Amino acid sequence: RQNYEFLETIKSDSEYFSISNFPDKSEFTKSHLPLVVVNVGDRKELLDKMTEGDNTSYGVIVSTFEELEPAYVSDYK
């Protein structure tokens, strides 16, 4: 679900990229992302553990509602 290695191929902090598995076309730059994801470096093991925890948890609390973002809610299910 979380694959951040592709960020290494983006050369500039101002270069736009889109994430293919989003329900809508959304464009981002590296500066839009949390620094922990952009500057992975020696934190790769931590990010992998965070991903594992997310994937094996019983659920996630999200501050939204189905009527506001139905495509994202159904994609997450």
Protein backbone atom coordinates (compact mmCIF):
# COMPACT_ATOMS: atom_id res chain seq x y z
CA ARG A 1 0.00 0.00 0.00
CA GLN A 2 2.76 2.46 0.86
CA ASN A 3 5.55 2.49 -1.68
CA TYR A 4 7.82 5.48 -1.25
CA GLU A 5 10.83 4.28 -3.26
CA PHE A 6 9.54 5.99 -6.41
CA LEU A 7 10.34 9.34 -4.77
CA GLU A 8 14.03 8.66 -5.41
CA THR A 9 13.39 9.05 -9.15
CA ILE A 10 11.99 12.58 -8.74
CA LYS A 11 14.84 15.03 -9.15
CA SER A 12 13.31 18.33 -8.03
CA ASP A 13 11.29 19.35 -4.97
CA SER A 14 9.02 21.34 -7.30
CA GLU A 15 8.42 18.57 -9.87
CA TYR A 16 4.80 17.39 -9.86
CA PHE A 17 3.92 13.71 -9.79
CA SER A 18 0.67 11.81 -9.42
CA ILE A 19 -0.10 8.71 -7.42
CA SER A 20 -1.70 6.13 -9.68
CA ASN A 21 -3.82 4.27 -7.13
CA PHE A 22 -5.78 7.33 -5.92
CA PRO A 23 -9.44 7.44 -7.00
CA ASP A 24 -8.96 10.98 -8.37
CA LYS A 25 -6.00 12.40 -10.26
CA SER A 26 -4.05 14.24 -7.59
CA GLU A 27 -0.70 15.90 -8.21
CA PHE A 28 1.91 16.48 -5.53
CA THR A 29 5.44 17.75 -5.14
CA LYS A 30 7.96 16.46 -2.63
CA SER A 31 7.35 19.60 -0.57
CA HIS A 32 3.71 18.50 -0.11
CA LEU A 33 4.81 15.29 1.63
CA PRO A 34 5.93 14.71 5.23
CA LEU A 35 9.73 14.95 5.58
CA VAL A 36 9.90 11.46 7.09
CA VAL A 37 8.74 10.07 3.73
CA VAL A 38 10.82 12.35 1.49
CA ASN A 39 14.13 11.94 3.33
CA VAL A 40 13.90 8.23 4.04
CA GLY A 41 17.62 7.56 4.39
CA ASP A 42 18.29 5.46 7.48
CA ARG A 43 14.61 5.62 8.51
CA LYS A 44 13.58 2.97 5.96
CA GLU A 45 13.35 0.33 8.69
CA LEU A 46 11.09 2.62 10.75
CA LEU A 47 8.84 3.30 7.75
CA ASP A 48 8.65 -0.42 7.00
CA LYS A 49 7.59 -1.10 10.61
CA MET A 50 4.99 1.68 10.41
CA THR A 51 3.64 0.15 7.19
CA GLU A 52 3.53 -3.31 8.76
CA GLY A 53 1.67 -1.91 11.77
CA ASP A 54 -0.81 -0.16 9.50
CA ASN A 55 -1.38 -3.29 7.44
CA THR A 56 -1.90 -5.54 10.48
CA SER A 57 -4.01 -3.19 12.62
CA TYR A 58 -7.70 -3.72 13.28
CA GLY A 59 -8.65 -0.35 11.83
CA VAL A 60 -7.95 3.32 11.37
CA ILE A 61 -9.80 6.38 12.63
CA VAL A 62 -10.34 8.82 9.76
CA SER A 63 -11.83 12.28 10.12
CA THR A 64 -14.22 12.26 7.17
CA PHE A 65 -17.57 10.84 6.21
CA GLU A 66 -18.81 8.77 3.32
CA GLU A 67 -20.96 11.49 1.75
CA LEU A 68 -17.96 13.84 1.53
CA GLU A 69 -15.48 11.44 -0.08
CA PRO A 70 -17.34 8.35 -1.34
CA ALA A 71 -14.69 7.29 -3.86
CA TYR A 72 -11.95 7.33 -1.22
CA VAL A 73 -14.09 5.52 1.35
CA SER A 74 -14.98 2.72 -1.07
CA ASP A 75 -11.35 2.48 -2.25
CA TYR A 76 -10.15 2.16 1.34
CA LYS A 77 -12.65 -0.61 2.11
